[in-house]
Amino acid sequence: MRARSFATQKLRPADETVCGYGIAVISNTQYALFKDLPAGGVCPGDGVMEGAEQLEIFTLDKAVSILEYNHADFVFSPRDGFVYFGTQRAQPNQDPAYITLQLKDTDQRLTTSVNYIGQVYTE
């Protein structure tokens, strides 16, 4: 997952404060990678793409769509090592964030989940 990879890299300019890197679902065919910037000058940031610096938009293949998800935005935070589901830090007893993709005109599905410490897994 590119957002998690970016969050753990130390390749940012020294004068740039980035609270984390996130994924935002835009539609059932698009999602975006964004920088979560400081809210009011301090981290954590807002945890949502609105007002953040968008890095890249991804469009799914025409045969695939986003079927469902439980958090439209989630952020990997290198500052505290946690994941934010929107504006709230994910908690150990909380269900992971997930996105389910479906191959159109079939019942084939793939769900990718992210838990509160940033572990990414696919079912």
PDB file of N, CA and C in Angstrom:
ATOM      1  N   MET A   1       0.839  -1.161   0.000  1.00  0.00           N
ATOM      2  CA  MET A   1       0.000   0.000   0.000  1.00  0.00           C
ATOM      3  C   MET A   1       0.892   1.234   0.000  1.00  0.00           C
ATOM      4  N   ARG A   2       0.728   2.074  -0.990  1.00  0.00           N
ATOM      5  CA  ARG A   2       1.605   3.236  -1.156  1.00  0.00           C
ATOM      6  C   ARG A   2       1.495   4.239  -0.019  1.00  0.00           C
ATOM      7  N   ALA A   3       0.322   4.441   0.522  1.00  0.00           N
ATOM      8  CA  ALA A   3       0.168   5.403   1.617  1.00  0.00           C
ATOM      9  C   ALA A   3       1.001   4.976   2.822  1.00  0.00           C
ATOM     10  N   ARG A   4       0.962   3.708   3.173  1.00  0.00           N
ATOM     11  CA  ARG A   4       1.756   3.216   4.304  1.00  0.00           C
ATOM     12  C   ARG A   4       3.235   3.327   4.010  1.00  0.00           C
ATOM     13  N   SER A   5       3.636   3.008   2.786  1.00  0.00           N
ATOM     14  CA  SER A   5       5.034   3.119   2.387  1.00  0.00           C
ATOM     15  C   SER A   5       5.528   4.557   2.499  1.00  0.00           C
ATOM     16  N   PHE A   6       4.755   5.507   1.987  1.00  0.00           N
ATOM     17  CA  PHE A   6       5.126   6.918   2.081  1.00  0.00           C
ATOM     18  C   PHE A   6       5.248   7.356   3.537  1.00  0.00           C
ATOM     19  N   ALA A   7       4.342   6.905   4.370  1.00  0.00           N
ATOM     20  CA  ALA A   7       4.334   7.314   5.773  1.00  0.00           C
ATOM     21  C   ALA A   7       5.577   6.864   6.512  1.00  0.00           C
ATOM     22  N   THR A   8       6.160   5.751   6.114  1.00  0.00           N
ATOM     23  CA  THR A   8       7.329   5.233   6.814  1.00  0.00           C
ATOM     24  C   THR A   8       8.648   5.696   6.206  1.00  0.00           C
ATOM     25  N   GLN A   9       8.615   6.349   5.052  1.00  0.00           N
ATOM     26  CA  GLN A   9       9.833   6.858   4.423  1.00  0.00           C
ATOM     27  C   GLN A   9      10.327   8.099   5.141  1.00  0.00           C
ATOM     28  N   LYS A  10      11.612   8.312   5.073  1.00  0.00           N
ATOM     29  CA  LYS A  10      12.220   9.511   5.649  1.00  0.00           C
ATOM     30  C   LYS A  10      12.734  10.418   4.530  1.00  0.00           C
ATOM     31  N   LEU A  11      12.093  10.394   3.375  1.00  0.00           N
ATOM     32  CA  LEU A  11      12.559  11.135   2.209  1.00  0.00           C
ATOM     33  C   LEU A  11      11.893  12.498   2.063  1.00  0.00           C
ATOM     34  N   ARG A  12      11.131  12.940   3.052  1.00  0.00           N
ATOM     35  CA  ARG A  12      10.462  14.229   2.973  1.00  0.00           C
ATOM     36  C   ARG A  12      11.469  15.351   3.214  1.00  0.00           C
ATOM     37  N   PRO A  13      11.253  16.509   2.599  1.00  0.00           N
ATOM     38  CA  PRO A  13      12.103  17.656   2.907  1.00  0.00           C
ATOM     39  C   PRO A  13      12.025  17.980   4.397  1.00  0.00           C
ATOM     40  N   ALA A  14      13.139  18.413   4.973  1.00  0.00           N
ATOM     41  CA  ALA A  14      13.194  18.680   6.414  1.00  0.00           C
ATOM     42  C   ALA A  14      12.229  19.770   6.847  1.00  0.00           C
ATOM     43  N   ASP A  15      11.926  20.713   5.958  1.00  0.00           N
ATOM     44  CA  ASP A  15      11.042  21.820   6.331  1.00  0.00           C
ATOM     45  C   ASP A  15       9.561  21.538   6.069  1.00  0.00           C
ATOM     46  N   GLU A  16       9.231  20.315   5.651  1.00  0.00           N
ATOM     47  CA  GLU A  16       7.845  19.973   5.362  1.00  0.00           C
ATOM     48  C   GLU A  16       7.284  19.114   6.487  1.00  0.00           C
ATOM     49  N   THR A  17       6.194  19.576   7.082  1.00  0.00           N
ATOM     50  CA  THR A  17       5.524  18.798   8.114  1.00  0.00           C
ATOM     51  C   THR A  17       4.353  18.057   7.479  1.00  0.00           C
ATOM     52  N   VAL A  18       4.449  16.747   7.470  1.00  0.00           N
ATOM     53  CA  VAL A  18       3.386  15.888   6.967  1.00  0.00           C
ATOM     54  C   VAL A  18       2.963  14.994   8.117  1.00  0.00           C
ATOM     55  N   CYS A  19       1.684  15.010   8.414  1.00  0.00           N
ATOM     56  CA  CYS A  19       1.181  14.188   9.521  1.00  0.00           C
ATOM     57  C   CYS A  19       0.986  12.738   9.121  1.00  0.00           C
ATOM     58  N   GLY A  20       0.809  12.497   7.847  1.00  0.00           N
ATOM     59  CA  GLY A  20       0.615  11.146   7.366  1.00  0.00           C
ATOM     60  C   GLY A  20       0.216  11.141   5.909  1.00  0.00           C
ATOM     61  N   TYR A  21      -0.010   9.951   5.408  1.00  0.00           N
ATOM     62  CA  TYR A  21      -0.449   9.763   4.028  1.00  0.00           C
ATOM     63  C   TYR A  21      -1.698   8.912   4.051  1.00  0.00           C
ATOM     64  N   GLY A  22      -2.669   9.300   3.249  1.00  0.00           N
ATOM     65  CA  GLY A  22      -3.945   8.624   3.317  1.00  0.00           C
ATOM     66  C   GLY A  22      -4.499   8.196   1.979  1.00  0.00           C
ATOM     67  N   ILE A  23      -5.553   7.425   2.081  1.00  0.00           N
ATOM     68  CA  ILE A  23      -6.329   6.965   0.938  1.00  0.00           C
ATOM     69  C   ILE A  23      -7.749   7.483   1.127  1.00  0.00           C
ATOM     70  N   ALA A  24      -8.330   8.005   0.055  1.00  0.00           N
ATOM     71  CA  ALA A  24      -9.712   8.490   0.103  1.00  0.00           C
ATOM     72  C   ALA A  24     -10.490   7.893  -1.058  1.00  0.00           C
ATOM     73  N   VAL A  25     -11.644   7.332  -0.762  1.00  0.00           N
ATOM     74  CA  VAL A  25     -12.532   6.827  -1.801  1.00  0.00           C
ATOM     75  C   VAL A  25     -13.257   8.029  -2.392  1.00  0.00           C
ATOM     76  N   ILE A  26     -13.150   8.186  -3.714  1.00  0.00           N
ATOM     77  CA  ILE A  26     -13.796   9.302  -4.399  1.00  0.00           C
ATOM     78  C   ILE A  26     -15.132   8.873  -4.990  1.00  0.00           C
ATOM     79  N   SER A  27     -15.145   7.705  -5.594  1.00  0.00           N
ATOM     80  CA  SER A  27     -16.364   7.166  -6.214  1.00  0.00           C
ATOM     81  C   SER A  27     -16.225   5.652  -6.256  1.00  0.00           C
ATOM     82  N   ASN A  28     -17.161   4.978  -6.907  1.00  0.00           N
ATOM     83  CA  ASN A  28     -17.037   3.509  -6.980  1.00  0.00           C
ATOM     84  C   ASN A  28     -16.011   3.071  -8.027  1.00  0.00           C
ATOM     85  N   THR A  29     -15.365   4.031  -8.693  1.00  0.00           N
ATOM     86  CA  THR A  29     -14.322   3.686  -9.671  1.00  0.00           C
ATOM     87  C   THR A  29     -13.010   4.424  -9.421  1.00  0.00           C
ATOM     88  N   GLN A  30     -12.957   5.317  -8.414  1.00  0.00           N
ATOM     89  CA  GLN A  30     -11.739   6.096  -8.179  1.00  0.00           C
ATOM     90  C   GLN A  30     -11.417   6.230  -6.692  1.00  0.00           C
ATOM     91  N   TYR A  31     -10.118   6.293  -6.414  1.00  0.00           N
ATOM     92  CA  TYR A  31      -9.640   6.611  -5.075  1.00  0.00           C
ATOM     93  C   TYR A  31      -8.393   7.461  -5.221  1.00  0.00           C
ATOM     94  N   ALA A  32      -7.997   8.130  -4.155  1.00  0.00           N
ATOM     95  CA  ALA A  32      -6.872   9.053  -4.222  1.00  0.00           C
ATOM     96  C   ALA A  32      -5.886   8.802  -3.092  1.00  0.00           C
ATOM     97  N   LEU A  33      -4.631   9.132  -3.367  1.00  0.00           N
ATOM     98  CA  LEU A  33      -3.569   9.149  -2.375  1.00  0.00           C
ATOM     99  C   LEU A  33      -3.370  10.613  -2.001  1.00  0.00           C
ATOM    100  N   PHE A  34      -3.315  10.928  -0.690  1.00  0.00           N
ATOM    101  CA  PHE A  34      -3.162  12.321  -0.282  1.00  0.00           C
ATOM    102  C   PHE A  34      -2.233  12.451   0.917  1.00  0.00           C
ATOM    103  N   LYS A  35      -1.673  13.673   1.080  1.00  0.00           N
ATOM    104  CA  LYS A  35      -0.881  14.023   2.254  1.00  0.00           C
ATOM    105  C   LYS A  35      -1.818  14.595   3.295  1.00  0.00           C
ATOM    106  N   ASP A  36      -1.724  14.092   4.507  1.00  0.00           N
ATOM    107  CA  ASP A  36      -2.495  14.655   5.612  1.00  0.00           C
ATOM    108  C   ASP A  36      -1.615  15.716   6.263  1.00  0.00           C
ATOM    109  N   LEU A  37      -2.001  16.958   6.121  1.00  0.00           N
ATOM    110  CA  LEU A  37      -1.203  18.082   6.601  1.00  0.00           C
ATOM    111  C   LEU A  37      -1.678  18.522   7.985  1.00  0.00           C
ATOM    112  N   PRO A  38      -0.833  19.231   8.723  1.00  0.00           N
ATOM    113  CA  PRO A  38      -1.192  19.635  10.083  1.00  0.00           C
ATOM    114  C   PRO A  38      -2.473  20.456  10.144  1.00  0.00           C
ATOM    115  N   ALA A  39      -3.298  20.155  11.110  1.00  0.00           N
ATOM    116  CA  ALA A  39      -4.521  20.929  11.362  1.00  0.00           C
ATOM    117  C   ALA A  39      -4.163  21.980  12.411  1.00  0.00           C
ATOM    118  N   GLY A  40      -4.241  23.232  12.039  1.00  0.00           N
ATOM    119  CA  GLY A  40      -3.874  24.295  12.978  1.00  0.00           C
ATOM    120  C   GLY A  40      -2.393  24.303  13.301  1.00  0.00           C
ATOM    121  N   GLY A  41      -1.576  23.763  12.407  1.00  0.00           N
ATOM    122  CA  GLY A  41      -0.131  23.782  12.590  1.00  0.00           C
ATOM    123  C   GLY A  41       0.453  22.611  13.349  1.00  0.00           C
ATOM    124  N   VAL A  42      -0.387  21.713  13.861  1.00  0.00           N
ATOM    125  CA  VAL A  42       0.129  20.563  14.614  1.00  0.00           C
ATOM    126  C   VAL A  42      -0.505  19.271  14.117  1.00  0.00           C
ATOM    127  N   CYS A  43       0.202  18.189  14.317  1.00  0.00           N
ATOM    128  CA  CYS A  43      -0.311  16.874  13.967  1.00  0.00           C
ATOM    129  C   CYS A  43      -1.054  16.300  15.167  1.00  0.00           C
ATOM    130  N   PRO A  44      -2.032  15.426  15.009  1.00  0.00           N
ATOM    131  CA  PRO A  44      -2.421  14.860  13.724  1.00  0.00           C
ATOM    132  C   PRO A  44      -3.165  15.873  12.867  1.00  0.00           C
ATOM    133  N   GLY A  45      -3.223  15.553  11.583  1.00  0.00           N
ATOM    134  CA  GLY A  45      -3.921  16.407  10.641  1.00  0.00           C
ATOM    135  C   GLY A  45      -5.415  16.180  10.712  1.00  0.00           C
ATOM    136  N   ASP A  46      -6.091  16.604   9.668  1.00  0.00           N
ATOM    137  CA  ASP A  46      -7.544  16.458   9.627  1.00  0.00           C
ATOM    138  C   ASP A  46      -7.989  15.020   9.397  1.00  0.00           C
ATOM    139  N   GLY A  47      -7.126  14.206   8.774  1.00  0.00           N
ATOM    140  CA  GLY A  47      -7.459  12.805   8.534  1.00  0.00           C
ATOM    141  C   GLY A  47      -8.374  12.578   7.350  1.00  0.00           C
ATOM    142  N   VAL A  48      -8.683  13.631   6.624  1.00  0.00           N
ATOM    143  CA  VAL A  48      -9.555  13.512   5.457  1.00  0.00           C
ATOM    144  C   VAL A  48      -8.929  14.245   4.277  1.00  0.00           C
ATOM    145  N   MET A  49      -9.321  13.857   3.073  1.00  0.00           N
ATOM    146  CA  MET A  49      -8.711  14.443   1.881  1.00  0.00           C
ATOM    147  C   MET A  49      -9.139  15.888   1.659  1.00  0.00           C
ATOM    148  N   GLU A  50     -10.334  16.238   2.079  1.00  0.00           N
ATOM    149  CA  GLU A  50     -10.809  17.608   1.871  1.00  0.00           C
ATOM    150  C   GLU A  50      -9.836  18.585   2.528  1.00  0.00           C
ATOM    151  N   GLY A  51      -9.252  19.453   1.738  1.00  0.00           N
ATOM    152  CA  GLY A  51      -8.281  20.420   2.227  1.00  0.00           C
ATOM    153  C   GLY A  51      -6.862  19.893   2.294  1.00  0.00           C
ATOM    154  N   ALA A  52      -6.652  18.631   1.997  1.00  0.00           N
ATOM    155  CA  ALA A  52      -5.310  18.039   2.021  1.00  0.00           C
ATOM    156  C   ALA A  52      -4.662  18.180   0.645  1.00  0.00           C
ATOM    157  N   GLU A  53      -3.402  17.837   0.581  1.00  0.00           N
ATOM    158  CA  GLU A  53      -2.692  17.872  -0.699  1.00  0.00           C
ATOM    159  C   GLU A  53      -2.866  16.529  -1.403  1.00  0.00           C
ATOM    160  N   GLN A  54      -3.598  16.545  -2.493  1.00  0.00           N
ATOM    161  CA  GLN A  54      -3.844  15.328  -3.267  1.00  0.00           C
ATOM    162  C   GLN A  54      -2.589  15.002  -4.074  1.00  0.00           C
ATOM    163  N   LEU A  55      -2.123  13.771  -3.974  1.00  0.00           N
ATOM    164  CA  LEU A  55      -0.915  13.360  -4.679  1.00  0.00           C
ATOM    165  C   LEU A  55      -1.208  12.657  -5.991  1.00  0.00           C
ATOM    166  N   GLU A  56      -2.212  11.787  -5.971  1.00  0.00           N
ATOM    167  CA  GLU A  56      -2.505  11.002  -7.174  1.00  0.00           C
ATOM    168  C   GLU A  56      -3.924  10.447  -7.101  1.00  0.00           C
ATOM    169  N   ILE A  57      -4.589  10.409  -8.251  1.00  0.00           N
ATOM    170  CA  ILE A  57      -5.906   9.788  -8.349  1.00  0.00           C
ATOM    171  C   ILE A  57      -5.763   8.508  -9.153  1.00  0.00           C
ATOM    172  N   PHE A  58      -6.362   7.448  -8.663  1.00  0.00           N
ATOM    173  CA  PHE A  58      -6.317   6.157  -9.324  1.00  0.00           C
ATOM    174  C   PHE A  58      -7.713   5.809  -9.836  1.00  0.00           C
ATOM    175  N   THR A  59      -7.778   5.352 -11.066  1.00  0.00           N
ATOM    176  CA  THR A  59      -9.033   4.911 -11.652  1.00  0.00           C
ATOM    177  C   THR A  59      -8.945   3.403 -11.852  1.00  0.00           C
ATOM    178  N   LEU A  60      -9.934   2.701 -11.341  1.00  0.00           N
ATOM    179  CA  LEU A  60      -9.954   1.244 -11.461  1.00  0.00           C
ATOM    180  C   LEU A  60     -10.208   0.828 -12.902  1.00  0.00           C
ATOM    181  N   ASP A  61      -9.777  -0.363 -13.229  1.00  0.00           N
ATOM    182  CA  ASP A  61     -10.090  -0.957 -14.522  1.00  0.00           C
ATOM    183  C   ASP A  61     -11.602  -0.985 -14.681  1.00  0.00           C
ATOM    184  N   LYS A  62     -12.090  -0.856 -15.894  1.00  0.00           N
ATOM    185  CA  LYS A  62     -13.535  -0.802 -16.153  1.00  0.00           C
ATOM    186  C   LYS A  62     -14.276  -2.055 -15.691  1.00  0.00           C
ATOM    187  N   ALA A  63     -13.562  -3.146 -15.530  1.00  0.00           N
ATOM    188  CA  ALA A  63     -14.202  -4.395 -15.109  1.00  0.00           C
ATOM    189  C   ALA A  63     -14.326  -4.508 -13.589  1.00  0.00           C
ATOM    190  N   VAL A  64     -13.779  -3.521 -12.858  1.00  0.00           N
ATOM    191  CA  VAL A  64     -13.747  -3.575 -11.401  1.00  0.00           C
ATOM    192  C   VAL A  64     -14.427  -2.340 -10.828  1.00  0.00           C
ATOM    193  N   SER A  65     -15.118  -2.511  -9.710  1.00  0.00           N
ATOM    194  CA  SER A  65     -15.697  -1.359  -9.019  1.00  0.00           C
ATOM    195  C   SER A  65     -15.538  -1.536  -7.514  1.00  0.00           C
ATOM    196  N   ILE A  66     -15.595  -0.411  -6.799  1.00  0.00           N
ATOM    197  CA  ILE A  66     -15.596  -0.457  -5.342  1.00  0.00           C
ATOM    198  C   ILE A  66     -17.025  -0.773  -4.917  1.00  0.00           C
ATOM    199  N   LEU A  67     -17.187  -1.910  -4.299  1.00  0.00           N
ATOM    200  CA  LEU A  67     -18.517  -2.365  -3.893  1.00  0.00           C
ATOM    201  C   LEU A  67     -18.954  -1.708  -2.588  1.00  0.00           C
ATOM    202  N   GLU A  68     -18.055  -1.711  -1.599  1.00  0.00           N
ATOM    203  CA  GLU A  68     -18.382  -1.129  -0.306  1.00  0.00           C
ATOM    204  C   GLU A  68     -17.111  -0.797   0.465  1.00  0.00           C
ATOM    205  N   TYR A  69     -17.260   0.060   1.455  1.00  0.00           N
ATOM    206  CA  TYR A  69     -16.168   0.433   2.347  1.00  0.00           C
ATOM    207  C   TYR A  69     -16.790   0.979   3.619  1.00  0.00           C
ATOM    208  N   ASN A  70     -16.028   0.973   4.698  1.00  0.00           N
ATOM    209  CA  ASN A  70     -16.587   1.492   5.949  1.00  0.00           C
ATOM    210  C   ASN A  70     -15.983   2.829   6.378  1.00  0.00           C
ATOM    211  N   HIS A  71     -14.911   3.257   5.737  1.00  0.00           N
ATOM    212  CA  HIS A  71     -14.321   4.569   5.998  1.00  0.00           C
ATOM    213  C   HIS A  71     -13.869   5.145   4.664  1.00  0.00           C
ATOM    214  N   ALA A  72     -14.385   6.300   4.309  1.00  0.00           N
ATOM    215  CA  ALA A  72     -14.035   6.908   3.024  1.00  0.00           C
ATOM    216  C   ALA A  72     -12.602   7.424   3.022  1.00  0.00           C
ATOM    217  N   ASP A  73     -12.056   7.748   4.193  1.00  0.00           N
ATOM    218  CA  ASP A  73     -10.689   8.249   4.313  1.00  0.00           C
ATOM    219  C   ASP A  73      -9.986   7.514   5.445  1.00  0.00           C
ATOM    220  N   PHE A  74      -8.737   7.135   5.218  1.00  0.00           N
ATOM    221  CA  PHE A  74      -7.916   6.648   6.313  1.00  0.00           C
ATOM    222  C   PHE A  74      -6.477   7.047   6.064  1.00  0.00           C
ATOM    223  N   VAL A  75      -5.752   7.293   7.161  1.00  0.00           N
ATOM    224  CA  VAL A  75      -4.411   7.875   7.095  1.00  0.00           C
ATOM    225  C   VAL A  75      -3.438   7.034   7.904  1.00  0.00           C
ATOM    226  N   PHE A  76      -2.267   6.790   7.333  1.00  0.00           N
ATOM    227  CA  PHE A  76      -1.148   6.170   8.045  1.00  0.00           C
ATOM    228  C   PHE A  76      -0.318   7.311   8.616  1.00  0.00           C
ATOM    229  N   SER A  77      -0.130   7.340   9.930  1.00  0.00           N
ATOM    230  CA  SER A  77       0.588   8.421  10.586  1.00  0.00           C
ATOM    231  C   SER A  77       1.962   7.956  11.058  1.00  0.00           C
ATOM    232  N   PRO A  78       3.043   8.488  10.454  1.00  0.00           N
ATOM    233  CA  PRO A  78       4.379   8.113  10.911  1.00  0.00           C
ATOM    234  C   PRO A  78       4.727   8.751  12.250  1.00  0.00           C
ATOM    235  N   ARG A  79       3.999   9.793  12.628  1.00  0.00           N
ATOM    236  CA  ARG A  79       4.306  10.534  13.862  1.00  0.00           C
ATOM    237  C   ARG A  79       4.032   9.704  15.112  1.00  0.00           C
ATOM    238  N   ASP A  80       2.936   8.987  15.122  1.00  0.00           N
ATOM    239  CA  ASP A  80       2.605   8.201  16.312  1.00  0.00           C
ATOM    240  C   ASP A  80       2.451   6.716  16.020  1.00  0.00           C
ATOM    241  N   GLY A  81       2.629   6.318  14.749  1.00  0.00           N
ATOM    242  CA  GLY A  81       2.587   4.901  14.405  1.00  0.00           C
ATOM    243  C   GLY A  81       1.206   4.302  14.306  1.00  0.00           C
ATOM    244  N   PHE A  82       0.176   5.138  14.327  1.00  0.00           N
ATOM    245  CA  PHE A  82      -1.178   4.640  14.258  1.00  0.00           C
ATOM    246  C   PHE A  82      -1.836   4.991  12.936  1.00  0.00           C
ATOM    247  N   VAL A  83      -3.028   4.505  12.793  1.00  0.00           N
ATOM    248  CA  VAL A  83      -3.850   4.780  11.618  1.00  0.00           C
ATOM    249  C   VAL A  83      -5.046   5.600  12.090  1.00  0.00           C
ATOM    250  N   TYR A  84      -5.445   6.537  11.268  1.00  0.00           N
ATOM    251  CA  TYR A  84      -6.625   7.348  11.549  1.00  0.00           C
ATOM    252  C   TYR A  84      -7.695   6.989  10.541  1.00  0.00           C
ATOM    253  N   PHE A  85      -8.878   6.699  11.027  1.00  0.00           N
ATOM    254  CA  PHE A  85     -10.040   6.462  10.168  1.00  0.00           C
ATOM    255  C   PHE A  85     -10.803   7.770  10.156  1.00  0.00           C
ATOM    256  N   GLY A  86     -10.618   8.546   9.107  1.00  0.00           N
ATOM    257  CA  GLY A  86     -11.154   9.900   9.093  1.00  0.00           C
ATOM    258  C   GLY A  86     -10.425  10.714  10.138  1.00  0.00           C
ATOM    259  N   THR A  87     -11.137  11.429  10.972  1.00  0.00           N
ATOM    260  CA  THR A  87     -10.506  12.308  11.956  1.00  0.00           C
ATOM    261  C   THR A  87     -10.180  11.622  13.278  1.00  0.00           C
ATOM    262  N   GLN A  88     -10.562  10.373  13.433  1.00  0.00           N
ATOM    263  CA  GLN A  88     -10.368   9.670  14.704  1.00  0.00           C
ATOM    264  C   GLN A  88      -9.264   8.624  14.620  1.00  0.00           C
ATOM    265  N   ARG A  89      -8.406   8.595  15.642  1.00  0.00           N
ATOM    266  CA  ARG A  89      -7.377   7.559  15.694  1.00  0.00           C
ATOM    267  C   ARG A  89      -8.051   6.215  15.899  1.00  0.00           C
ATOM    268  N   ALA A  90      -7.665   5.237  15.087  1.00  0.00           N
ATOM    269  CA  ALA A  90      -8.224   3.891  15.206  1.00  0.00           C
ATOM    270  C   ALA A  90      -7.813   3.283  16.552  1.00  0.00           C
ATOM    271  N   GLN A  91      -8.704   2.499  17.126  1.00  0.00           N
ATOM    272  CA  GLN A  91      -8.500   1.899  18.444  1.00  0.00           C
ATOM    273  C   GLN A  91      -8.360   0.383  18.343  1.00  0.00           C
ATOM    274  N   PRO A  92      -7.666  -0.258  19.303  1.00  0.00           N
ATOM    275  CA  PRO A  92      -7.462  -1.706  19.254  1.00  0.00           C
ATOM    276  C   PRO A  92      -8.750  -2.521  19.168  1.00  0.00           C
ATOM    277  N   ASN A  93      -9.818  -2.066  19.776  1.00  0.00           N
ATOM    278  CA  ASN A  93     -11.066  -2.828  19.770  1.00  0.00           C
ATOM    279  C   ASN A  93     -11.983  -2.456  18.602  1.00  0.00           C
ATOM    280  N   GLN A  94     -11.503  -1.605  17.706  1.00  0.00           N
ATOM    281  CA  GLN A  94     -12.309  -1.124  16.578  1.00  0.00           C
ATOM    282  C   GLN A  94     -12.141  -2.040  15.366  1.00  0.00           C
ATOM    283  N   ASP A  95     -13.220  -2.196  14.610  1.00  0.00           N
ATOM    284  CA  ASP A  95     -13.122  -2.949  13.362  1.00  0.00           C
ATOM    285  C   ASP A  95     -12.161  -2.237  12.421  1.00  0.00           C
ATOM    286  N   PRO A  96     -11.419  -2.984  11.619  1.00  0.00           N
ATOM    287  CA  PRO A  96     -10.499  -2.349  10.676  1.00  0.00           C
ATOM    288  C   PRO A  96     -11.249  -1.598   9.577  1.00  0.00           C
ATOM    289  N   ALA A  97     -10.542  -0.678   8.941  1.00  0.00           N
ATOM    290  CA  ALA A  97     -11.093  -0.040   7.742  1.00  0.00           C
ATOM    291  C   ALA A  97     -11.003  -1.071   6.622  1.00  0.00           C
ATOM    292  N   TYR A  98     -11.975  -1.074   5.717  1.00  0.00           N
ATOM    293  CA  TYR A  98     -11.909  -2.017   4.608  1.00  0.00           C
ATOM    294  C   TYR A  98     -12.487  -1.397   3.346  1.00  0.00           C
ATOM    295  N   ILE A  99     -12.019  -1.923   2.233  1.00  0.00           N
ATOM    296  CA  ILE A  99     -12.552  -1.589   0.914  1.00  0.00           C
ATOM    297  C   ILE A  99     -12.742  -2.907   0.184  1.00  0.00           C
ATOM    298  N   THR A 100     -13.944  -3.136  -0.341  1.00  0.00           N
ATOM    299  CA  THR A 100     -14.225  -4.349  -1.096  1.00  0.00           C
ATOM    300  C   THR A 100     -14.380  -3.996  -2.564  1.00  0.00           C
ATOM    301  N   LEU A 101     -13.600  -4.662  -3.389  1.00  0.00           N
ATOM    302  CA  LEU A 101     -13.685  -4.518  -4.839  1.00  0.00           C
ATOM    303  C   LEU A 101     -14.459  -5.693  -5.406  1.00  0.00           C
ATOM    304  N   GLN A 102     -15.178  -5.442  -6.470  1.00  0.00           N
ATOM    305  CA  GLN A 102     -15.931  -6.518  -7.114  1.00  0.00           C
ATOM    306  C   GLN A 102     -15.652  -6.499  -8.611  1.00  0.00           C
ATOM    307  N   LEU A 103     -15.463  -7.686  -9.153  1.00  0.00           N
ATOM    308  CA  LEU A 103     -15.359  -7.840 -10.592  1.00  0.00           C
ATOM    309  C   LEU A 103     -16.776  -7.740 -11.131  1.00  0.00           C
ATOM    310  N   LYS A 104     -17.024  -6.735 -11.966  1.00  0.00           N
ATOM    311  CA  LYS A 104     -18.389  -6.473 -12.451  1.00  0.00           C
ATOM    312  C   LYS A 104     -18.974  -7.696 -13.143  1.00  0.00           C
ATOM    313  N   ASP A 105     -20.265  -7.835 -13.007  1.00  0.00           N
ATOM    314  CA  ASP A 105     -21.040  -8.921 -13.607  1.00  0.00           C
ATOM    315  C   ASP A 105     -20.642 -10.295 -13.082  1.00  0.00           C
ATOM    316  N   THR A 106     -19.996 -10.334 -11.913  1.00  0.00           N
ATOM    317  CA  THR A 106     -19.655 -11.602 -11.273  1.00  0.00           C
ATOM    318  C   THR A 106     -19.871 -11.446  -9.768  1.00  0.00           C
ATOM    319  N   ASP A 107     -19.674 -12.539  -9.053  1.00  0.00           N
ATOM    320  CA  ASP A 107     -19.713 -12.490  -7.594  1.00  0.00           C
ATOM    321  C   ASP A 107     -18.310 -12.460  -6.992  1.00  0.00           C
ATOM    322  N   GLN A 108     -17.286 -12.291  -7.819  1.00  0.00           N
ATOM    323  CA  GLN A 108     -15.908 -12.291  -7.331  1.00  0.00           C
ATOM    324  C   GLN A 108     -15.603 -10.977  -6.626  1.00  0.00           C
ATOM    325  N   ARG A 109     -15.123 -11.102  -5.387  1.00  0.00           N
ATOM    326  CA  ARG A 109     -14.830  -9.936  -4.561  1.00  0.00           C
ATOM    327  C   ARG A 109     -13.474 -10.082  -3.896  1.00  0.00           C
ATOM    328  N   LEU A 110     -12.876  -8.936  -3.588  1.00  0.00           N
ATOM    329  CA  LEU A 110     -11.603  -8.887  -2.887  1.00  0.00           C
ATOM    330  C   LEU A 110     -11.697  -7.768  -1.863  1.00  0.00           C
ATOM    331  N   THR A 111     -11.439  -8.091  -0.605  1.00  0.00           N
ATOM    332  CA  THR A 111     -11.503  -7.080   0.455  1.00  0.00           C
ATOM    333  C   THR A 111     -10.114  -6.851   1.017  1.00  0.00           C
ATOM    334  N   THR A 112      -9.716  -5.577   1.049  1.00  0.00           N
ATOM    335  CA  THR A 112      -8.452  -5.171   1.662  1.00  0.00           C
ATOM    336  C   THR A 112      -8.791  -4.410   2.927  1.00  0.00           C
ATOM    337  N   SER A 113      -8.150  -4.805   4.020  1.00  0.00           N
ATOM    338  CA  SER A 113      -8.414  -4.200   5.326  1.00  0.00           C
ATOM    339  C   SER A 113      -7.146  -3.604   5.915  1.00  0.00           C
ATOM    340  N   VAL A 114      -7.331  -2.603   6.766  1.00  0.00           N
ATOM    341  CA  VAL A 114      -6.230  -1.957   7.484  1.00  0.00           C
ATOM    342  C   VAL A 114      -6.650  -1.858   8.944  1.00  0.00           C
ATOM    343  N   ASN A 115      -5.823  -2.411   9.845  1.00  0.00           N
ATOM    344  CA  ASN A 115      -6.187  -2.340  11.257  1.00  0.00           C
ATOM    345  C   ASN A 115      -5.575  -1.097  11.915  1.00  0.00           C
ATOM    346  N   TYR A 116      -5.771  -0.960  13.204  1.00  0.00           N
ATOM    347  CA  TYR A 116      -5.398   0.263  13.921  1.00  0.00           C
ATOM    348  C   TYR A 116      -3.892   0.538  13.964  1.00  0.00           C
ATOM    349  N   ILE A 117      -3.070  -0.463  13.749  1.00  0.00           N
ATOM    350  CA  ILE A 117      -1.618  -0.232  13.736  1.00  0.00           C
ATOM    351  C   ILE A 117      -1.045  -0.236  12.309  1.00  0.00           C
ATOM    352  N   GLY A 118      -1.917  -0.268  11.317  1.00  0.00           N
ATOM    353  CA  GLY A 118      -1.475  -0.147   9.934  1.00  0.00           C
ATOM    354  C   GLY A 118      -1.200  -1.450   9.215  1.00  0.00           C
ATOM    355  N   GLN A 119      -1.545  -2.572   9.813  1.00  0.00           N
ATOM    356  CA  GLN A 119      -1.370  -3.857   9.143  1.00  0.00           C
ATOM    357  C   GLN A 119      -2.394  -3.949   8.017  1.00  0.00           C
ATOM    358  N   VAL A 120      -1.910  -4.237   6.817  1.00  0.00           N
ATOM    359  CA  VAL A 120      -2.772  -4.347   5.641  1.00  0.00           C
ATOM    360  C   VAL A 120      -2.888  -5.815   5.270  1.00  0.00           C
ATOM    361  N   TYR A 121      -4.116  -6.280   5.072  1.00  0.00           N
ATOM    362  CA  TYR A 121      -4.317  -7.672   4.666  1.00  0.00           C
ATOM    363  C   TYR A 121      -5.491  -7.769   3.724  1.00  0.00           C
ATOM    364  N   THR A 122      -5.460  -8.811   2.893  1.00  0.00           N
ATOM    365  CA  THR A 122      -6.462  -9.010   1.851  1.00  0.00           C
ATOM    366  C   THR A 122      -7.117 -10.355   2.025  1.00  0.00           C
ATOM    367  N   GLU A 123      -8.435 -10.387   1.815  1.00  0.00           N
ATOM    368  CA  GLU A 123      -9.203 -11.637   1.892  1.00  0.00           C
ATOM    369  C   GLU A 123      -9.902 -11.873   0.583  1.00  0.00           C
TER     370      GLU A 123
END
